[in-house]
Amino acid sequence: MFQVGSTSAHAITGMAPQWLGSTSEMNELSILVVDDYPIIRHGLRALLEAQPGWSICSEAATGQAALQKVKRLKPDIVLLDLDLPDMQGFEIISKIIEIHPRAGILALTGHDSLKIASRAIASGARGLVLKSDGLRDVIQGVRTLARGKSFHSLQAGALIKDGDAGNLRATLTSRELQILKLLADGKTNKQLAAALDVSVRTVEAHRASVMKKLDLRSLSDLIYFAIRHRIVGI
């Protein structure tokens, strides 16, 4: 169940708190809510319909019903619980994308699991919110996906970041990871050499090894990889 504070409780009863903000630029945003618990579906419906220009085109309690409604209604956003009784959430995500590639899928899960987070994103979900998050994250997630961007709540983002960190530590040596982080910070080869007390040639060799292991072709690819995977701070 989502965490409901005083402002979130107001939202669920249709009284939009100040943090919801104005969404007049997103007129006629249609949303399909998919969850097997009626109380969650109805609560999310009340919360989302409090937003100007947002409407719930329908609700569904099973994966099969969700797919049928996606095919018929073509919603802009699908708010999808990954824990449905008839189908795996990841299978539903893939099928939604086949039926309606332009749909933004915001996945909801009650499991604090890196495996589930990674599989949801790999299957094509553009956003992920844990059910232990606040209702504010659901609103922000829908708003962000409606603008064509991806969204992960702080808790979901931390899971993904931890997974990226673990994968990188298994792939790169500690020195290579250090160099990747410094390159992401904008350091030049010469600055790296001075900071690490090694030769520029050694830095270049490590950098070449990082790019080969990560299958990157240029420095800009490397920097983009570091930004996308939030390397700074690992």
Foldseek 3Di string as FASTA:
>chain_A
DADADPQLVCLLQLNHDCLLDADPVQAQQEEEEEAQDPVVSSSVQSNQVSHHRYHHPYYYDALVVVLVCCLVPVGQEYEEEQDGDPDGSLVSLLSSCVRRVNHAYAYEYQDLDLVVLVSNVVSPHLEYDYRHHHPSQVSVQVSQVSVVHGYYPPSSLVSLLVVLVVVCVVQAPPVLLVLLQVVLVVDDLVRVCVVVVHDSVVSVVSPVSNCVSVVHDDSVSSNVVCVVSVSHPD
